[in-house]
Amino acid sequence: MTFVESGFPQHADLIRGGSVDAVVTAEPMLGRMNEASIGYVVTPMVSNFERPLPIFYYISTRDYAKTHPEAIAKFRDALKRGVAFAEANPEKAKAYIAKFTGMPPDLANRIPMPQLMTSSDRPALEETIKMMREQGMLRNSVDVGRLYAQ
């Protein structure tokens, strides 16, 4: 298997044109591809995890985190408040998704809300790295201790 990096908005065109055989995508691209009958869902990636895992991480350099602890704390607080708002107000959250992504509001209303997470633990990062190595997405060893900060 060969992984090819591409932007999420290009996934439908890549499948339709035969440039790739499969994509790992997310909403709203997945919903649009399903509506247009472009390919089919082989497996829902995130729901197959043994436990909830973040599908992305926010990263900064160690130097920035050390010299700007207040900014890091404010960023984390903003994420927590944003997730709390979205969970309490899913309709408003979808309206914001439509507004800030340019997605048609009717499409934003049809996509399922993702499981929003504001933190990760070290075992989750280790599990993510293990999966990436097994899939050939990482060639070198990764020292989780140097990456993970709480």
N, C-alpha and C. Protein backbone atom coordinates (compact mmCIF):
# COMPACT_ATOMS: atom_id res chain seq x y z
N MET A 1 0.84 -1.16 0.00
CA MET A 1 0.00 0.00 0.00
C MET A 1 0.90 1.23 0.00
N THR A 2 0.54 2.19 -0.80
CA THR A 2 1.28 3.45 -0.88
C THR A 2 0.36 4.58 -0.45
N PHE A 3 0.81 5.39 0.50
CA PHE A 3 0.04 6.55 0.93
C PHE A 3 0.45 7.75 0.11
N VAL A 4 -0.53 8.51 -0.34
CA VAL A 4 -0.30 9.73 -1.10
C VAL A 4 -0.97 10.86 -0.33
N GLU A 5 -0.21 11.87 0.01
CA GLU A 5 -0.80 12.98 0.74
C GLU A 5 -1.57 13.87 -0.21
N SER A 6 -2.77 14.24 0.20
CA SER A 6 -3.59 15.14 -0.61
C SER A 6 -4.51 15.92 0.31
N GLY A 7 -5.03 17.00 -0.19
CA GLY A 7 -5.96 17.80 0.58
C GLY A 7 -7.34 17.15 0.59
N PHE A 8 -8.02 17.24 1.71
CA PHE A 8 -9.35 16.65 1.82
C PHE A 8 -10.28 17.08 0.69
N PRO A 9 -10.31 18.35 0.31
CA PRO A 9 -11.24 18.75 -0.76
C PRO A 9 -10.97 18.07 -2.11
N GLN A 10 -9.78 17.52 -2.32
CA GLN A 10 -9.46 16.85 -3.58
C GLN A 10 -9.82 15.37 -3.59
N HIS A 11 -10.23 14.81 -2.47
CA HIS A 11 -10.46 13.37 -2.38
C HIS A 11 -11.47 12.85 -3.41
N ALA A 12 -12.58 13.54 -3.57
CA ALA A 12 -13.60 13.06 -4.53
C ALA A 12 -13.03 13.02 -5.94
N ASP A 13 -12.31 14.07 -6.34
CA ASP A 13 -11.74 14.10 -7.69
C ASP A 13 -10.69 13.02 -7.88
N LEU A 14 -9.91 12.74 -6.85
CA LEU A 14 -8.89 11.69 -6.95
C LEU A 14 -9.52 10.32 -7.15
N ILE A 15 -10.59 10.05 -6.41
CA ILE A 15 -11.30 8.77 -6.57
C ILE A 15 -11.97 8.71 -7.94
N ARG A 16 -12.71 9.76 -8.28
CA ARG A 16 -13.44 9.80 -9.55
C ARG A 16 -12.50 9.63 -10.74
N GLY A 17 -11.34 10.27 -10.67
CA GLY A 17 -10.39 10.22 -11.78
C GLY A 17 -9.52 8.98 -11.80
N GLY A 18 -9.61 8.15 -10.77
CA GLY A 18 -8.81 6.93 -10.74
C GLY A 18 -7.37 7.14 -10.33
N SER A 19 -7.04 8.32 -9.81
CA SER A 19 -5.66 8.57 -9.38
C SER A 19 -5.29 7.77 -8.14
N VAL A 20 -6.28 7.47 -7.30
CA VAL A 20 -6.07 6.66 -6.11
C VAL A 20 -7.21 5.64 -6.02
N ASP A 21 -6.98 4.59 -5.27
CA ASP A 21 -8.00 3.56 -5.09
C ASP A 21 -8.85 3.79 -3.85
N ALA A 22 -8.31 4.56 -2.90
CA ALA A 22 -9.03 4.78 -1.64
C ALA A 22 -8.53 6.08 -1.01
N VAL A 23 -9.35 6.64 -0.16
CA VAL A 23 -8.95 7.82 0.61
C VAL A 23 -9.39 7.64 2.05
N VAL A 24 -8.66 8.27 2.95
CA VAL A 24 -9.08 8.38 4.34
C VAL A 24 -9.56 9.82 4.46
N THR A 25 -10.86 9.99 4.56
CA THR A 25 -11.42 11.34 4.51
C THR A 25 -12.30 11.60 5.71
N ALA A 26 -12.90 12.74 5.74
CA ALA A 26 -13.74 13.15 6.86
C ALA A 26 -14.89 13.99 6.33
N GLU A 27 -15.81 14.31 7.20
CA GLU A 27 -16.90 15.20 6.82
C GLU A 27 -16.35 16.60 6.63
N PRO A 28 -16.88 17.35 5.71
CA PRO A 28 -18.06 17.10 4.88
C PRO A 28 -17.75 16.38 3.57
N MET A 29 -16.46 16.11 3.30
CA MET A 29 -16.10 15.46 2.04
C MET A 29 -16.77 14.09 1.92
N LEU A 30 -16.79 13.34 3.02
CA LEU A 30 -17.39 12.01 2.99
C LEU A 30 -18.87 12.09 2.61
N GLY A 31 -19.60 13.01 3.22
CA GLY A 31 -21.02 13.17 2.91
C GLY A 31 -21.25 13.55 1.46
N ARG A 32 -20.43 14.44 0.96
CA ARG A 32 -20.56 14.86 -0.44
C ARG A 32 -20.25 13.70 -1.39
N MET A 33 -19.23 12.92 -1.06
CA MET A 33 -18.88 11.77 -1.91
C MET A 33 -20.01 10.74 -1.89
N ASN A 34 -20.59 10.49 -0.72
CA ASN A 34 -21.71 9.54 -0.63
C ASN A 34 -22.90 10.02 -1.44
N GLU A 35 -23.24 11.31 -1.32
CA GLU A 35 -24.38 11.86 -2.05
C GLU A 35 -24.19 11.77 -3.56
N ALA A 36 -22.94 11.89 -4.01
CA ALA A 36 -22.65 11.84 -5.45
C ALA A 36 -22.32 10.43 -5.92
N SER A 37 -22.43 9.44 -5.04
CA SER A 37 -22.11 8.04 -5.36
C SER A 37 -20.70 7.89 -5.91
N ILE A 38 -19.76 8.59 -5.29
CA ILE A 38 -18.35 8.47 -5.66
C ILE A 38 -17.72 7.53 -4.65
N GLY A 39 -17.53 6.30 -5.03
CA GLY A 39 -16.96 5.31 -4.12
C GLY A 39 -17.95 4.87 -3.07
N TYR A 40 -17.44 4.21 -2.05
CA TYR A 40 -18.28 3.73 -0.95
C TYR A 40 -17.42 3.62 0.30
N VAL A 41 -18.06 3.62 1.44
CA VAL A 41 -17.35 3.53 2.71
C VAL A 41 -16.92 2.09 2.94
N VAL A 42 -15.63 1.88 3.07
CA VAL A 42 -15.10 0.55 3.35
C VAL A 42 -15.23 0.27 4.85
N THR A 43 -14.81 1.24 5.64
CA THR A 43 -14.92 1.11 7.09
C THR A 43 -14.91 2.50 7.70
N PRO A 44 -15.72 2.73 8.70
CA PRO A 44 -15.67 4.03 9.40
C PRO A 44 -14.45 4.03 10.32
N MET A 45 -13.42 4.74 9.92
CA MET A 45 -12.13 4.68 10.58
C MET A 45 -12.19 4.92 12.09
N VAL A 46 -12.70 6.04 12.51
CA VAL A 46 -12.62 6.42 13.91
C VAL A 46 -13.43 5.49 14.81
N SER A 47 -14.59 5.05 14.36
CA SER A 47 -15.42 4.20 15.22
C SER A 47 -14.83 2.81 15.40
N ASN A 48 -13.82 2.45 14.63
CA ASN A 48 -13.18 1.15 14.78
C ASN A 48 -12.05 1.15 15.81
N PHE A 49 -11.71 2.31 16.33
CA PHE A 49 -10.68 2.36 17.37
C PHE A 49 -11.21 1.69 18.63
N GLU A 50 -10.32 1.04 19.37
CA GLU A 50 -10.74 0.37 20.59
C GLU A 50 -11.22 1.35 21.65
N ARG A 51 -10.70 2.55 21.61
CA ARG A 51 -11.13 3.61 22.52
C ARG A 51 -11.04 4.92 21.76
N PRO A 52 -11.70 5.96 22.24
CA PRO A 52 -11.62 7.23 21.51
C PRO A 52 -10.18 7.73 21.43
N LEU A 53 -9.76 8.03 20.22
CA LEU A 53 -8.43 8.58 19.99
C LEU A 53 -8.58 9.90 19.24
N PRO A 54 -7.72 10.84 19.53
CA PRO A 54 -7.75 12.08 18.75
C PRO A 54 -7.42 11.78 17.29
N ILE A 55 -8.07 12.48 16.38
CA ILE A 55 -7.75 12.28 14.97
C ILE A 55 -6.78 13.36 14.49
N PHE A 56 -6.48 14.31 15.36
CA PHE A 56 -5.43 15.29 15.08
C PHE A 56 -4.92 15.83 16.41
N TYR A 57 -3.75 16.43 16.35
CA TYR A 57 -3.11 16.99 17.53
C TYR A 57 -2.72 18.43 17.24
N TYR A 58 -2.75 19.26 18.27
CA TYR A 58 -2.21 20.61 18.16
C TYR A 58 -0.78 20.55 18.67
N ILE A 59 0.12 21.14 17.93
CA ILE A 59 1.54 21.00 18.23
C ILE A 59 2.21 22.36 18.26
N SER A 60 3.14 22.52 19.18
CA SER A 60 3.99 23.71 19.19
C SER A 60 5.42 23.25 19.44
N THR A 61 6.34 24.15 19.22
CA THR A 61 7.72 23.80 19.55
C THR A 61 7.89 23.87 21.07
N ARG A 62 8.86 23.14 21.56
CA ARG A 62 9.16 23.15 22.99
C ARG A 62 9.55 24.56 23.44
N ASP A 63 10.34 25.26 22.62
CA ASP A 63 10.76 26.62 22.97
C ASP A 63 9.56 27.55 23.11
N TYR A 64 8.61 27.46 22.17
CA TYR A 64 7.44 28.33 22.25
C TYR A 64 6.64 28.02 23.51
N ALA A 65 6.43 26.75 23.78
CA ALA A 65 5.65 26.37 24.96
C ALA A 65 6.32 26.85 26.25
N LYS A 66 7.64 26.78 26.30
CA LYS A 66 8.36 27.23 27.50
C LYS A 66 8.31 28.74 27.67
N THR A 67 8.38 29.47 26.57
CA THR A 67 8.43 30.93 26.66
C THR A 67 7.05 31.59 26.60
N HIS A 68 6.02 30.82 26.28
CA HIS A 68 4.66 31.37 26.18
C HIS A 68 3.64 30.48 26.91
N PRO A 69 3.88 30.15 28.17
CA PRO A 69 2.95 29.25 28.86
C PRO A 69 1.54 29.83 28.97
N GLU A 70 1.43 31.15 29.06
CA GLU A 70 0.11 31.77 29.16
C GLU A 70 -0.67 31.58 27.86
N ALA A 71 0.00 31.71 26.73
CA ALA A 71 -0.68 31.51 25.44
C ALA A 71 -1.14 30.06 25.29
N ILE A 72 -0.32 29.13 25.73
CA ILE A 72 -0.69 27.71 25.67
C ILE A 72 -1.92 27.47 26.55
N ALA A 73 -1.91 28.02 27.76
CA ALA A 73 -3.04 27.84 28.67
C ALA A 73 -4.31 28.45 28.10
N LYS A 74 -4.20 29.63 27.50
CA LYS A 74 -5.37 30.28 26.90
C LYS A 74 -5.89 29.48 25.71
N PHE A 75 -4.99 28.93 24.92
CA PHE A 75 -5.41 28.11 23.78
C PHE A 75 -6.17 26.88 24.26
N ARG A 76 -5.63 26.20 25.25
CA ARG A 76 -6.30 25.02 25.80
C ARG A 76 -7.67 25.38 26.38
N ASP A 77 -7.73 26.51 27.08
CA ASP A 77 -9.01 26.95 27.66
C ASP A 77 -10.02 27.25 26.55
N ALA A 78 -9.57 27.90 25.49
CA ALA A 78 -10.47 28.22 24.38
C ALA A 78 -11.01 26.94 23.74
N LEU A 79 -10.15 25.94 23.59
CA LEU A 79 -10.62 24.66 23.04
C LEU A 79 -11.69 24.04 23.93
N LYS A 80 -11.45 24.04 25.23
CA LYS A 80 -12.42 23.46 26.16
C LYS A 80 -13.75 24.20 26.10
N ARG A 81 -13.70 25.53 26.05
CA ARG A 81 -14.94 26.30 25.98
C ARG A 81 -15.65 26.07 24.64
N GLY A 82 -14.88 25.96 23.56
CA GLY A 82 -15.47 25.71 22.25
C GLY A 82 -16.16 24.36 22.19
N VAL A 83 -15.52 23.34 22.73
CA VAL A 83 -16.12 22.00 22.74
C VAL A 83 -17.38 22.00 23.61
N ALA A 84 -17.32 22.64 24.77
CA ALA A 84 -18.50 22.71 25.64
C ALA A 84 -19.65 23.40 24.92
N PHE A 85 -19.35 24.49 24.21
CA PHE A 85 -20.39 25.20 23.45
C PHE A 85 -20.98 24.30 22.37
N ALA A 86 -20.12 23.64 21.59
CA ALA A 86 -20.59 22.80 20.49
C ALA A 86 -21.44 21.64 21.00
N GLU A 87 -21.04 21.05 22.12
CA GLU A 87 -21.81 19.93 22.67
C GLU A 87 -23.16 20.39 23.21
N ALA A 88 -23.21 21.60 23.76
CA ALA A 88 -24.46 22.12 24.31
C ALA A 88 -25.36 22.74 23.23
N ASN A 89 -24.77 23.14 22.11
CA ASN A 89 -25.50 23.84 21.05
C ASN A 89 -25.14 23.29 19.67
N PRO A 90 -25.47 22.03 19.38
CA PRO A 90 -25.04 21.45 18.10
C PRO A 90 -25.57 22.20 16.87
N GLU A 91 -26.78 22.74 16.94
CA GLU A 91 -27.32 23.47 15.78
C GLU A 91 -26.51 24.73 15.52
N LYS A 92 -26.20 25.47 16.58
CA LYS A 92 -25.39 26.68 16.42
C LYS A 92 -23.98 26.32 15.96
N ALA A 93 -23.45 25.22 16.48
CA ALA A 93 -22.10 24.79 16.07
C ALA A 93 -22.08 24.50 14.57
N LYS A 94 -23.12 23.84 14.08
CA LYS A 94 -23.18 23.54 12.65
C LYS A 94 -23.33 24.81 11.82
N ALA A 95 -24.04 25.80 12.35
CA ALA A 95 -24.15 27.08 11.64
C ALA A 95 -22.77 27.75 11.55
N TYR A 96 -21.99 27.67 12.62
CA TYR A 96 -20.63 28.22 12.59
C TYR A 96 -19.74 27.45 11.63
N ILE A 97 -19.90 26.13 11.60
CA ILE A 97 -19.12 25.32 10.65
C ILE A 97 -19.41 25.79 9.23
N ALA A 98 -20.69 25.96 8.92
CA ALA A 98 -21.07 26.42 7.58
C ALA A 98 -20.48 27.80 7.29
N LYS A 99 -20.60 28.70 8.25
CA LYS A 99 -20.13 30.07 8.05
C LYS A 99 -18.62 30.13 7.81
N PHE A 100 -17.85 29.45 8.63
CA PHE A 100 -16.40 29.60 8.56
C PHE A 100 -15.72 28.67 7.56
N THR A 101 -16.43 27.66 7.07
CA THR A 101 -15.85 26.80 6.04
C THR A 101 -16.40 27.10 4.66
N GLY A 102 -17.48 27.88 4.60
CA GLY A 102 -18.12 28.14 3.32
C GLY A 102 -18.98 26.97 2.85
N MET A 103 -19.22 26.03 3.75
CA MET A 103 -20.04 24.87 3.43
C MET A 103 -21.51 25.29 3.35
N PRO A 104 -22.25 24.75 2.40
CA PRO A 104 -23.68 25.06 2.37
C PRO A 104 -24.34 24.66 3.69
N PRO A 105 -25.19 25.53 4.27
CA PRO A 105 -25.81 25.21 5.56
C PRO A 105 -26.57 23.88 5.57
N ASP A 106 -27.24 23.53 4.46
CA ASP A 106 -27.97 22.26 4.46
C ASP A 106 -27.02 21.07 4.59
N LEU A 107 -25.82 21.17 4.00
CA LEU A 107 -24.84 20.10 4.14
C LEU A 107 -24.31 20.06 5.57
N ALA A 108 -24.01 21.21 6.13
CA ALA A 108 -23.52 21.25 7.52
C ALA A 108 -24.53 20.63 8.47
N ASN A 109 -25.81 20.83 8.21
CA ASN A 109 -26.84 20.25 9.08
C ASN A 109 -26.96 18.75 8.93
N ARG A 110 -26.54 18.20 7.80
CA ARG A 110 -26.66 16.75 7.57
C ARG A 110 -25.48 15.95 8.09
N ILE A 111 -24.33 16.58 8.24
CA ILE A 111 -23.17 15.80 8.68
C ILE A 111 -23.25 15.54 10.18
N PRO A 112 -22.80 14.38 10.60
CA PRO A 112 -22.81 14.10 12.04
C PRO A 112 -21.73 14.92 12.74
N MET A 113 -22.03 15.35 13.94
CA MET A 113 -21.02 16.07 14.72
C MET A 113 -19.95 15.06 15.15
N PRO A 114 -18.70 15.43 15.00
CA PRO A 114 -17.63 14.52 15.43
C PRO A 114 -17.54 14.49 16.95
N GLN A 115 -16.87 13.47 17.45
CA GLN A 115 -16.58 13.43 18.88
C GLN A 115 -15.45 14.42 19.11
N LEU A 116 -15.73 15.47 19.83
CA LEU A 116 -14.74 16.52 20.05
C LEU A 116 -13.94 16.21 21.30
N MET A 117 -12.63 16.38 21.20
CA MET A 117 -11.74 16.10 22.33
C MET A 117 -10.86 17.32 22.56
N THR A 118 -10.55 17.56 23.82
CA THR A 118 -9.70 18.70 24.14
C THR A 118 -8.34 18.29 24.70
N SER A 119 -8.16 17.02 24.91
CA SER A 119 -6.87 16.58 25.44
C SER A 119 -6.62 15.14 25.01
N SER A 120 -5.41 14.73 25.21
CA SER A 120 -5.01 13.37 24.89
C SER A 120 -4.09 12.90 26.01
N ASP A 121 -4.00 11.61 26.17
CA ASP A 121 -3.04 11.10 27.14
C ASP A 121 -1.90 10.44 26.39
N ARG A 122 -0.84 10.19 27.10
CA ARG A 122 0.35 9.61 26.47
C ARG A 122 0.05 8.26 25.80
N PRO A 123 -0.71 7.36 26.44
CA PRO A 123 -1.03 6.10 25.75
C PRO A 123 -1.76 6.29 24.42
N ALA A 124 -2.61 7.32 24.33
CA ALA A 124 -3.31 7.58 23.07
C ALA A 124 -2.32 7.98 21.98
N LEU A 125 -1.35 8.82 22.34
CA LEU A 125 -0.33 9.22 21.37
C LEU A 125 0.52 8.01 20.97
N GLU A 126 0.87 7.18 21.94
CA GLU A 126 1.65 5.98 21.64
C GLU A 126 0.88 5.05 20.70
N GLU A 127 -0.42 4.91 20.93
CA GLU A 127 -1.25 4.06 20.08
C GLU A 127 -1.35 4.62 18.66
N THR A 128 -1.47 5.93 18.56
CA THR A 128 -1.53 6.58 17.24
C THR A 128 -0.22 6.35 16.48
N ILE A 129 0.89 6.52 17.16
CA ILE A 129 2.20 6.32 16.53
C ILE A 129 2.36 4.86 16.10
N LYS A 130 1.91 3.94 16.94
CA LYS A 130 1.99 2.51 16.59
C LYS A 130 1.21 2.22 15.31
N MET A 131 -0.02 2.76 15.22
CA MET A 131 -0.82 2.54 14.01
C MET A 131 -0.13 3.14 12.79
N MET A 132 0.43 4.33 12.94
CA MET A 132 1.11 4.98 11.82
C MET A 132 2.31 4.16 11.36
N ARG A 133 3.05 3.58 12.30
CA ARG A 133 4.20 2.74 11.93
C ARG A 133 3.73 1.48 11.21
N GLU A 134 2.67 0.86 11.73
CA GLU A 134 2.14 -0.37 11.11
C GLU A 134 1.65 -0.11 9.68
N GLN A 135 1.18 1.09 9.42
CA GLN A 135 0.67 1.43 8.09
C GLN A 135 1.74 2.03 7.19
N GLY A 136 2.97 2.09 7.67
CA GLY A 136 4.06 2.60 6.86
C GLY A 136 4.07 4.11 6.72
N MET A 137 3.37 4.80 7.60
CA MET A 137 3.31 6.25 7.52
C MET A 137 4.49 6.92 8.23
N LEU A 138 5.16 6.17 9.09
CA LEU A 138 6.36 6.66 9.77
C LEU A 138 7.50 5.70 9.47
N ARG A 139 8.63 6.25 9.13
CA ARG A 139 9.79 5.40 8.81
C ARG A 139 10.74 5.27 9.99
N ASN A 140 10.77 6.29 10.83
CA ASN A 140 11.73 6.32 11.94
C ASN A 140 11.01 6.16 13.27
N SER A 141 11.78 5.80 14.28
CA SER A 141 11.23 5.70 15.63
C SER A 141 10.88 7.09 16.14
N VAL A 142 9.89 7.13 17.00
CA VAL A 142 9.45 8.39 17.59
C VAL A 142 9.54 8.26 19.10
N ASP A 143 10.23 9.19 19.73
CA ASP A 143 10.35 9.22 21.19
C ASP A 143 9.17 10.01 21.74
N VAL A 144 8.15 9.29 22.21
CA VAL A 144 6.94 9.94 22.70
C VAL A 144 7.25 10.88 23.86
N GLY A 145 8.21 10.52 24.68
CA GLY A 145 8.58 11.37 25.81
C GLY A 145 9.02 12.76 25.38
N ARG A 146 9.60 12.86 24.20
CA ARG A 146 10.03 14.17 23.71
C ARG A 146 8.89 14.94 23.06
N LEU A 147 7.82 14.23 22.69
CA LEU A 147 6.70 14.87 22.01
C LEU A 147 5.60 15.31 22.95
N TYR A 148 5.31 14.48 23.91
CA TYR A 148 4.11 14.67 24.71
C TYR A 148 4.34 15.62 25.86
N ALA A 149 3.49 16.61 25.95
CA ALA A 149 3.52 17.55 27.08
C ALA A 149 2.10 17.69 27.60
N GLN A 150 1.96 17.78 28.87
CA GLN A 150 0.62 17.92 29.44
C GLN A 150 0.47 19.23 30.13
